[in-house]
PDB file of N, CA and C in Angstrom:
ATOM      1  N   MET A   1     -14.936 -15.123  31.256  1.00  0.00           N
ATOM      2  CA  MET A   1     -13.580 -14.569  30.735  1.00  0.00           C
ATOM      3  C   MET A   1     -13.104 -13.712  31.859  1.00  0.00           C
ATOM      4  N   GLY A   2     -11.538 -13.936  31.658  1.00  0.00           N
ATOM      5  CA  GLY A   2     -10.903 -13.177  32.493  1.00  0.00           C
ATOM      6  C   GLY A   2     -10.764 -11.566  32.104  1.00  0.00           C
ATOM      7  N   LEU A   3     -10.506 -10.694  33.086  1.00  0.00           N
ATOM      8  CA  LEU A   3     -10.266  -9.260  32.194  1.00  0.00           C
ATOM      9  C   LEU A   3      -9.391  -9.376  31.125  1.00  0.00           C
ATOM     10  N   ALA A   4      -8.000  -9.594  31.207  1.00  0.00           N
ATOM     11  CA  ALA A   4      -7.011 -10.094  30.666  1.00  0.00           C
ATOM     12  C   ALA A   4      -7.348 -10.361  29.192  1.00  0.00           C
ATOM     13  N   LYS A   5      -8.269 -11.469  29.372  1.00  0.00           N
ATOM     14  CA  LYS A   5      -8.741 -12.128  28.389  1.00  0.00           C
ATOM     15  C   LYS A   5      -9.718 -11.333  27.353  1.00  0.00           C
ATOM     16  N   THR A   6     -10.691 -10.627  28.243  1.00  0.00           N
ATOM     17  CA  THR A   6     -11.499  -9.828  27.425  1.00  0.00           C
ATOM     18  C   THR A   6     -10.864  -8.425  27.212  1.00  0.00           C
ATOM     19  N   THR A   7      -9.674  -7.958  27.935  1.00  0.00           N
ATOM     20  CA  THR A   7      -8.966  -6.776  27.311  1.00  0.00           C
ATOM     21  C   THR A   7      -8.486  -7.180  26.031  1.00  0.00           C
ATOM     22  N   LEU A   8      -7.726  -8.206  25.965  1.00  0.00           N
ATOM     23  CA  LEU A   8      -7.212  -8.646  24.579  1.00  0.00           C
ATOM     24  C   LEU A   8      -8.029  -8.936  23.237  1.00  0.00           C
ATOM     25  N   VAL A   9      -9.103  -9.445  23.536  1.00  0.00           N
ATOM     26  CA  VAL A   9     -10.286  -9.795  22.485  1.00  0.00           C
ATOM     27  C   VAL A   9     -10.604  -8.026  22.210  1.00  0.00           C
ATOM     28  N   LEU A  10     -10.923  -7.408  22.866  1.00  0.00           N
ATOM     29  CA  LEU A  10     -11.171  -5.914  22.654  1.00  0.00           C
ATOM     30  C   LEU A  10     -10.239  -5.279  21.734  1.00  0.00           C
ATOM     31  N   VAL A  11      -8.680  -5.119  22.209  1.00  0.00           N
ATOM     32  CA  VAL A  11      -8.023  -4.479  21.648  1.00  0.00           C
ATOM     33  C   VAL A  11      -7.712  -5.406  20.286  1.00  0.00           C
ATOM     34  N   SER A  12      -7.818  -6.827  20.131  1.00  0.00           N
ATOM     35  CA  SER A  12      -7.530  -7.180  18.840  1.00  0.00           C
ATOM     36  C   SER A  12      -8.848  -6.848  17.804  1.00  0.00           C
ATOM     37  N   LEU A  13      -9.756  -6.968  18.274  1.00  0.00           N
ATOM     38  CA  LEU A  13     -11.009  -6.261  17.344  1.00  0.00           C
ATOM     39  C   LEU A  13     -10.845  -5.194  16.809  1.00  0.00           C
ATOM     40  N   ALA A  14     -10.508  -4.038  17.733  1.00  0.00           N
ATOM     41  CA  ALA A  14      -9.910  -2.590  17.470  1.00  0.00           C
ATOM     42  C   ALA A  14      -8.810  -2.632  16.534  1.00  0.00           C
ATOM     43  N   PHE A  15      -7.933  -3.262  16.492  1.00  0.00           N
ATOM     44  CA  PHE A  15      -7.039  -3.577  15.665  1.00  0.00           C
ATOM     45  C   PHE A  15      -7.478  -3.712  13.942  1.00  0.00           C
ATOM     46  N   PHE A  16      -8.152  -4.936  14.282  1.00  0.00           N
ATOM     47  CA  PHE A  16      -8.798  -5.574  12.836  1.00  0.00           C
ATOM     48  C   PHE A  16      -9.546  -4.798  12.333  1.00  0.00           C
ATOM     49  N   ALA A  17     -10.291  -3.899  13.314  1.00  0.00           N
ATOM     50  CA  ALA A  17     -11.388  -3.236  12.381  1.00  0.00           C
ATOM     51  C   ALA A  17     -10.755  -1.849  11.785  1.00  0.00           C
ATOM     52  N   SER A  18      -9.712  -1.380  12.518  1.00  0.00           N
ATOM     53  CA  SER A  18      -9.109  -0.106  11.909  1.00  0.00           C
ATOM     54  C   SER A  18      -8.281  -0.637  10.416  1.00  0.00           C
ATOM     55  N   ALA A  19      -7.537  -1.805  10.588  1.00  0.00           N
ATOM     56  CA  ALA A  19      -6.903  -2.100   9.241  1.00  0.00           C
ATOM     57  C   ALA A  19      -7.969  -2.456   8.377  1.00  0.00           C
ATOM     58  N   ALA A  20      -8.968  -3.201   8.814  1.00  0.00           N
ATOM     59  CA  ALA A  20     -10.168  -3.812   7.742  1.00  0.00           C
ATOM     60  C   ALA A  20     -11.100  -2.249   7.137  1.00  0.00           C
ATOM     61  N   ALA A  21     -10.998  -1.437   8.011  1.00  0.00           N
ATOM     62  CA  ALA A  21     -11.707  -0.263   7.283  1.00  0.00           C
ATOM     63  C   ALA A  21     -11.014   0.661   6.335  1.00  0.00           C
ATOM     64  N   HIS A  22      -9.778   0.348   6.590  1.00  0.00           N
ATOM     65  CA  HIS A  22      -8.695   1.151   5.028  1.00  0.00           C
ATOM     66  C   HIS A  22      -8.517   0.261   4.441  1.00  0.00           C
ATOM     67  N   ASN A  23      -8.828  -1.144   4.362  1.00  0.00           N
ATOM     68  CA  ASN A  23      -8.346  -2.323   3.674  1.00  0.00           C
ATOM     69  C   ASN A  23      -7.001  -2.531   3.426  1.00  0.00           C
ATOM     70  N   CYS A  24      -6.222  -2.332   4.373  1.00  0.00           N
ATOM     71  CA  CYS A  24      -4.961  -2.235   4.296  1.00  0.00           C
ATOM     72  C   CYS A  24      -4.314  -3.739   4.427  1.00  0.00           C
ATOM     73  N   GLN A  25      -3.890  -4.196   3.210  1.00  0.00           N
ATOM     74  CA  GLN A  25      -2.997  -5.173   3.256  1.00  0.00           C
ATOM     75  C   GLN A  25      -2.259  -5.358   1.901  1.00  0.00           C
ATOM     76  N   ASN A  26      -1.161  -5.891   1.890  1.00  0.00           N
ATOM     77  CA  ASN A  26      -0.339  -5.947   0.336  1.00  0.00           C
ATOM     78  C   ASN A  26      -1.053  -6.755  -0.383  1.00  0.00           C
ATOM     79  N   GLY A  27      -1.095  -6.245  -1.964  1.00  0.00           N
ATOM     80  CA  GLY A  27      -1.797  -6.869  -2.897  1.00  0.00           C
ATOM     81  C   GLY A  27      -3.016  -6.269  -3.347  1.00  0.00           C
ATOM     82  N   THR A  28      -3.452  -5.214  -2.549  1.00  0.00           N
ATOM     83  CA  THR A  28      -4.661  -4.453  -3.052  1.00  0.00           C
ATOM     84  C   THR A  28      -4.536  -2.915  -2.923  1.00  0.00           C
ATOM     85  N   ARG A  29      -5.774  -2.389  -3.751  1.00  0.00           N
ATOM     86  CA  ARG A  29      -5.177  -0.795  -3.833  1.00  0.00           C
ATOM     87  C   ARG A  29      -6.867  -0.476  -3.176  1.00  0.00           C
ATOM     88  N   PRO A  30      -6.407   0.117  -2.081  1.00  0.00           N
ATOM     89  CA  PRO A  30      -7.856   0.947  -1.384  1.00  0.00           C
ATOM     90  C   PRO A  30      -8.522   1.621  -1.784  1.00  0.00           C
ATOM     91  N   ALA A  31      -9.734   1.903  -2.302  1.00  0.00           N
ATOM     92  CA  ALA A  31     -10.296   3.212  -3.195  1.00  0.00           C
ATOM     93  C   ALA A  31      -9.769   4.368  -2.490  1.00  0.00           C
ATOM     94  N   SER A  32      -9.444   4.361  -1.117  1.00  0.00           N
ATOM     95  CA  SER A  32      -8.555   6.049  -1.113  1.00  0.00           C
ATOM     96  C   SER A  32      -7.504   6.200  -1.558  1.00  0.00           C
ATOM     97  N   GLU A  33      -6.742   5.107  -1.950  1.00  0.00           N
ATOM     98  CA  GLU A  33      -5.391   5.175  -2.885  1.00  0.00           C
ATOM     99  C   GLU A  33      -5.316   5.539  -4.238  1.00  0.00           C
ATOM    100  N   GLU A  34      -6.612   5.104  -4.638  1.00  0.00           N
ATOM    101  CA  GLU A  34      -6.622   5.600  -6.412  1.00  0.00           C
ATOM    102  C   GLU A  34      -6.053   6.514  -7.112  1.00  0.00           C
ATOM    103  N   ASN A  35      -5.446   7.620  -6.343  1.00  0.00           N
ATOM    104  CA  ASN A  35      -4.728   8.628  -6.750  1.00  0.00           C
ATOM    105  C   ASN A  35      -3.439   8.610  -6.227  1.00  0.00           C
ATOM    106  N   ARG A  36      -3.121   7.571  -5.732  1.00  0.00           N
ATOM    107  CA  ARG A  36      -1.675   7.655  -5.107  1.00  0.00           C
ATOM    108  C   ARG A  36      -0.798   7.143  -6.225  1.00  0.00           C
ATOM    109  N   GLU A  37       0.271   7.906  -6.461  1.00  0.00           N
ATOM    110  CA  GLU A  37       1.637   7.633  -7.174  1.00  0.00           C
ATOM    111  C   GLU A  37       2.223   6.631  -6.697  1.00  0.00           C
ATOM    112  N   GLY A  38       2.888   5.950  -7.664  1.00  0.00           N
ATOM    113  CA  GLY A  38       3.958   4.714  -7.418  1.00  0.00           C
ATOM    114  C   GLY A  38       3.387   3.599  -6.864  1.00  0.00           C
ATOM    115  N   CYS A  39       3.764   2.452  -6.098  1.00  0.00           N
ATOM    116  CA  CYS A  39       3.105   1.109  -5.773  1.00  0.00           C
ATOM    117  C   CYS A  39       2.823   0.931  -4.410  1.00  0.00           C
ATOM    118  N   ASP A  40       3.343   1.933  -3.600  1.00  0.00           N
ATOM    119  CA  ASP A  40       3.246   1.441  -2.167  1.00  0.00           C
ATOM    120  C   ASP A  40       2.256   2.665  -1.093  1.00  0.00           C
ATOM    121  N   TYR A  41       1.430   2.239  -0.345  1.00  0.00           N
ATOM    122  CA  TYR A  41       1.026   3.413   0.504  1.00  0.00           C
ATOM    123  C   TYR A  41       1.120   3.101   2.219  1.00  0.00           C
ATOM    124  N   TYR A  42       0.571   3.877   2.929  1.00  0.00           N
ATOM    125  CA  TYR A  42       0.912   3.686   4.061  1.00  0.00           C
ATOM    126  C   TYR A  42      -0.288   3.633   4.754  1.00  0.00           C
ATOM    127  N   CYS A  43      -0.531   3.035   6.449  1.00  0.00           N
ATOM    128  CA  CYS A  43      -1.815   3.050   6.976  1.00  0.00           C
ATOM    129  C   CYS A  43      -1.280   3.065   8.261  1.00  0.00           C
ATOM    130  N   TRP A  44      -2.199   3.836   9.324  1.00  0.00           N
ATOM    131  CA  TRP A  44      -1.870   3.726  10.315  1.00  0.00           C
ATOM    132  C   TRP A  44      -1.981   2.876  11.292  1.00  0.00           C
ATOM    133  N   ASN A  45      -1.348   2.476  11.960  1.00  0.00           N
ATOM    134  CA  ASN A  45      -1.530   1.050  13.052  1.00  0.00           C
ATOM    135  C   ASN A  45      -1.551   1.707  14.653  1.00  0.00           C
ATOM    136  N   ALA A  46      -2.804   1.702  14.886  1.00  0.00           N
ATOM    137  CA  ALA A  46      -3.027   2.261  16.415  1.00  0.00           C
ATOM    138  C   ALA A  46      -2.668   1.369  17.448  1.00  0.00           C
ATOM    139  N   GLU A  47      -2.019  -0.052  16.964  1.00  0.00           N
ATOM    140  CA  GLU A  47      -1.410  -0.813  18.048  1.00  0.00           C
ATOM    141  C   GLU A  47      -0.003  -0.281  18.581  1.00  0.00           C
ATOM    142  N   THR A  48       0.835   0.084  17.429  1.00  0.00           N
ATOM    143  CA  THR A  48       2.269   0.578  17.488  1.00  0.00           C
ATOM    144  C   THR A  48       2.528   1.759  17.371  1.00  0.00           C
ATOM    145  N   LYS A  49       1.483   2.472  17.198  1.00  0.00           N
ATOM    146  CA  LYS A  49       1.312   3.972  16.977  1.00  0.00           C
ATOM    147  C   LYS A  49       2.341   4.544  16.024  1.00  0.00           C
ATOM    148  N   SER A  50       1.827   4.038  14.900  1.00  0.00           N
ATOM    149  CA  SER A  50       3.354   4.240  13.624  1.00  0.00           C
ATOM    150  C   SER A  50       2.476   3.778  12.242  1.00  0.00           C
ATOM    151  N   TRP A  51       3.044   4.420  11.597  1.00  0.00           N
ATOM    152  CA  TRP A  51       2.641   3.648  10.077  1.00  0.00           C
ATOM    153  C   TRP A  51       3.360   2.718   9.241  1.00  0.00           C
ATOM    154  N   ASP A  52       2.247   1.680   8.962  1.00  0.00           N
ATOM    155  CA  ASP A  52       2.593   0.155   8.229  1.00  0.00           C
ATOM    156  C   ASP A  52       2.659   0.749   6.941  1.00  0.00           C
ATOM    157  N   LYS A  53       3.375   0.118   6.133  1.00  0.00           N
ATOM    158  CA  LYS A  53       3.942   0.091   4.486  1.00  0.00           C
ATOM    159  C   LYS A  53       3.053  -1.076   4.246  1.00  0.00           C
ATOM    160  N   PHE A  54       2.337  -0.708   2.901  1.00  0.00           N
ATOM    161  CA  PHE A  54       1.742  -2.065   1.977  1.00  0.00           C
ATOM    162  C   PHE A  54       2.195  -1.267   0.819  1.00  0.00           C
ATOM    163  N   PHE A  55       2.051  -2.735  -0.178  1.00  0.00           N
ATOM    164  CA  PHE A  55       2.025  -2.567  -1.659  1.00  0.00           C
ATOM    165  C   PHE A  55       1.128  -3.208  -2.198  1.00  0.00           C
ATOM    166  N   PHE A  56       0.666  -2.211  -3.329  1.00  0.00           N
ATOM    167  CA  PHE A  56      -0.218  -2.548  -4.283  1.00  0.00           C
ATOM    168  C   PHE A  56       0.510  -4.097  -5.040  1.00  0.00           C
ATOM    169  N   GLY A  57      -0.849  -4.715  -5.606  1.00  0.00           N
ATOM    170  CA  GLY A  57      -0.294  -6.071  -6.363  1.00  0.00           C
ATOM    171  C   GLY A  57       0.501  -6.073  -7.150  1.00  0.00           C
ATOM    172  N   ASN A  58       1.407  -6.999  -7.763  1.00  0.00           N
ATOM    173  CA  ASN A  58       1.760  -7.143  -9.246  1.00  0.00           C
ATOM    174  C   ASN A  58       1.097  -6.903 -10.264  1.00  0.00           C
ATOM    175  N   GLY A  59       1.112  -6.247 -11.288  1.00  0.00           N
ATOM    176  CA  GLY A  59       0.341  -6.142 -12.464  1.00  0.00           C
ATOM    177  C   GLY A  59      -0.795  -4.809 -12.134  1.00  0.00           C
ATOM    178  N   GLU A  60      -0.725  -4.187 -11.160  1.00  0.00           N
ATOM    179  CA  GLU A  60      -1.738  -3.271 -10.844  1.00  0.00           C
ATOM    180  C   GLU A  60      -1.125  -1.700 -11.474  1.00  0.00           C
ATOM    181  N   ARG A  61      -2.055  -0.941 -12.034  1.00  0.00           N
ATOM    182  CA  ARG A  61      -1.599   0.168 -12.964  1.00  0.00           C
ATOM    183  C   ARG A  61      -1.083   1.297 -11.670  1.00  0.00           C
ATOM    184  N   CYS A  62       0.267   1.579 -12.449  1.00  0.00           N
ATOM    185  CA  CYS A  62       0.884   2.828 -11.535  1.00  0.00           C
ATOM    186  C   CYS A  62       0.961   3.894 -12.311  1.00  0.00           C
ATOM    187  N   PHE A  63       1.168   5.077 -11.370  1.00  0.00           N
ATOM    188  CA  PHE A  63       1.313   6.163 -12.520  1.00  0.00           C
ATOM    189  C   PHE A  63       2.321   7.278 -11.654  1.00  0.00           C
ATOM    190  N   TYR A  64       3.008   8.112 -12.264  1.00  0.00           N
ATOM    191  CA  TYR A  64       3.236   9.472 -11.410  1.00  0.00           C
ATOM    192  C   TYR A  64       2.793  10.990 -11.823  1.00  0.00           C
ATOM    193  N   ASN A  65       2.609  11.902 -11.238  1.00  0.00           N
ATOM    194  CA  ASN A  65       2.101  13.003 -11.409  1.00  0.00           C
ATOM    195  C   ASN A  65       2.274  13.404 -12.771  1.00  0.00           C
ATOM    196  N   ASN A  66       4.062  13.162 -13.149  1.00  0.00           N
ATOM    197  CA  ASN A  66       4.529  13.733 -14.426  1.00  0.00           C
ATOM    198  C   ASN A  66       3.669  13.231 -15.532  1.00  0.00           C
ATOM    199  N   GLY A  67       2.700  12.429 -15.505  1.00  0.00           N
ATOM    200  CA  GLY A  67       2.226  11.662 -16.547  1.00  0.00           C
ATOM    201  C   GLY A  67       2.958  10.083 -16.588  1.00  0.00           C
ATOM    202  N   ASP A  68       4.265   9.637 -16.302  1.00  0.00           N
ATOM    203  CA  ASP A  68       4.689   8.567 -16.590  1.00  0.00           C
ATOM    204  C   ASP A  68       3.598   7.557 -15.705  1.00  0.00           C
ATOM    205  N   GLU A  69       3.584   6.197 -16.757  1.00  0.00           N
ATOM    206  CA  GLU A  69       2.687   5.480 -16.672  1.00  0.00           C
ATOM    207  C   GLU A  69       3.263   3.862 -16.183  1.00  0.00           C
ATOM    208  N   GLY A  70       3.109   3.115 -15.732  1.00  0.00           N
ATOM    209  CA  GLY A  70       3.307   1.451 -15.686  1.00  0.00           C
ATOM    210  C   GLY A  70       2.806   0.338 -14.655  1.00  0.00           C
ATOM    211  N   LEU A  71       3.327  -0.535 -14.269  1.00  0.00           N
ATOM    212  CA  LEU A  71       2.735  -1.692 -13.908  1.00  0.00           C
ATOM    213  C   LEU A  71       3.660  -1.618 -12.645  1.00  0.00           C
ATOM    214  N   CYS A  72       3.101  -2.208 -11.527  1.00  0.00           N
ATOM    215  CA  CYS A  72       3.542  -2.393 -10.197  1.00  0.00           C
ATOM    216  C   CYS A  72       4.218  -3.731 -10.340  1.00  0.00           C
ATOM    217  N   GLN A  73       5.419  -3.727  -9.996  1.00  0.00           N
ATOM    218  CA  GLN A  73       5.882  -5.319  -9.834  1.00  0.00           C
ATOM    219  C   GLN A  73       7.107  -5.501  -8.575  1.00  0.00           C
ATOM    220  N   ASN A  74       6.825  -5.945  -7.521  1.00  0.00           N
ATOM    221  CA  ASN A  74       7.422  -6.195  -6.205  1.00  0.00           C
ATOM    222  C   ASN A  74       7.580  -5.145  -5.612  1.00  0.00           C
ATOM    223  N   GLY A  75       6.386  -4.282  -5.739  1.00  0.00           N
ATOM    224  CA  GLY A  75       6.446  -3.108  -4.995  1.00  0.00           C
ATOM    225  C   GLY A  75       7.072  -1.651  -5.663  1.00  0.00           C
ATOM    226  N   GLU A  76       7.296  -1.871  -6.967  1.00  0.00           N
ATOM    227  CA  GLU A  76       8.077  -0.631  -7.817  1.00  0.00           C
ATOM    228  C   GLU A  76       7.081  -0.744  -8.614  1.00  0.00           C
ATOM    229  N   CYS A  77       7.528   0.822  -9.106  1.00  0.00           N
ATOM    230  CA  CYS A  77       6.517   0.931 -10.361  1.00  0.00           C
ATOM    231  C   CYS A  77       7.211   0.737 -11.832  1.00  0.00           C
ATOM    232  N   HIS A  78       7.264  -0.088 -12.807  1.00  0.00           N
ATOM    233  CA  HIS A  78       7.977  -0.360 -13.864  1.00  0.00           C
ATOM    234  C   HIS A  78       7.137   0.403 -14.871  1.00  0.00           C
ATOM    235  N   LEU A  79       8.098   1.305 -15.436  1.00  0.00           N
ATOM    236  CA  LEU A  79       7.407   2.322 -16.125  1.00  0.00           C
ATOM    237  C   LEU A  79       7.028   1.777 -17.784  1.00  0.00           C
ATOM    238  N   THR A  80       6.001   1.822 -18.234  1.00  0.00           N
ATOM    239  CA  THR A  80       5.395   1.302 -19.584  1.00  0.00           C
ATOM    240  C   THR A  80       5.610   2.618 -20.454  1.00  0.00           C
ATOM    241  N   THR A  81       5.641   4.008 -20.112  1.00  0.00           N
ATOM    242  CA  THR A  81       5.572   4.931 -20.929  1.00  0.00           C
ATOM    243  C   THR A  81       7.239   5.597 -21.005  1.00  0.00           C
ATOM    244  N   ASP A  82       8.025   6.287 -22.187  1.00  0.00           N
ATOM    245  CA  ASP A  82       9.249   7.228 -22.342  1.00  0.00           C
ATOM    246  C   ASP A  82       9.245   7.945 -21.161  1.00  0.00           C
ATOM    247  N   SER A  83       9.772   8.026 -19.989  1.00  0.00           N
ATOM    248  CA  SER A  83       9.979   8.904 -18.909  1.00  0.00           C
ATOM    249  C   SER A  83      11.122  10.399 -19.467  1.00  0.00           C
ATOM    250  N   GLY A  84      11.744   9.656 -20.696  1.00  0.00           N
ATOM    251  CA  GLY A  84      12.697  10.676 -21.206  1.00  0.00           C
ATOM    252  C   GLY A  84      14.464  10.409 -20.308  1.00  0.00           C
ATOM    253  N   VAL A  85      14.173   9.255 -19.497  1.00  0.00           N
ATOM    254  CA  VAL A  85      15.275   9.120 -18.852  1.00  0.00           C
ATOM    255  C   VAL A  85      16.159   7.799 -19.239  1.00  0.00           C
ATOM    256  N   PRO A  86      17.474   7.884 -19.932  1.00  0.00           N
ATOM    257  CA  PRO A  86      17.984   7.076 -20.430  1.00  0.00           C
ATOM    258  C   PRO A  86      18.029   5.609 -19.822  1.00  0.00           C
ATOM    259  N   ASN A  87      17.748   4.261 -20.513  1.00  0.00           N
ATOM    260  CA  ASN A  87      17.666   3.076 -19.867  1.00  0.00           C
ATOM    261  C   ASN A  87      19.254   2.239 -20.361  1.00  0.00           C
ATOM    262  N   ASP A  88      19.034   0.807 -19.802  1.00  0.00           N
ATOM    263  CA  ASP A  88      20.535   0.392 -19.728  1.00  0.00           C
ATOM    264  C   ASP A  88      20.509  -0.029 -21.280  1.00  0.00           C
ATOM    265  N   SER A  89      19.961  -0.307 -22.371  1.00  0.00           N
ATOM    266  CA  SER A  89      20.076  -0.322 -23.599  1.00  0.00           C
ATOM    267  C   SER A  89      20.543   0.951 -24.507  1.00  0.00           C
ATOM    268  N   GLU A  90      20.444   1.898 -23.828  1.00  0.00           N
ATOM    269  CA  GLU A  90      21.239   3.102 -24.539  1.00  0.00           C
ATOM    270  C   GLU A  90      22.335   3.441 -23.933  1.00  0.00           C
ATOM    271  N   PHE A  91      23.133   2.807 -23.858  1.00  0.00           N
ATOM    272  CA  PHE A  91      24.305   3.029 -23.042  1.00  0.00           C
ATOM    273  C   PHE A  91      25.584   2.129 -24.053  1.00  0.00           C
TER     274      PHE A  91
END
């Protein structure tokens, strides 16, 4: 294997290992994010030297530190508790 191919393989393995170590993929809630508000989280991408945004799965329980709770849907926390904020049916 040439030097370029070897380097590519090593870089690829390092990238996948870092992502796998944090279980960073859409539709999952890594153990490190159990106390995370809302339905999104970020993982460091060593290859691009930036943060990548991921989302918990649809139906995953979500919450906010003020006590509001809900379910994730398409990356947003849809509240199931009364937050004290008016909704569309109250107008």
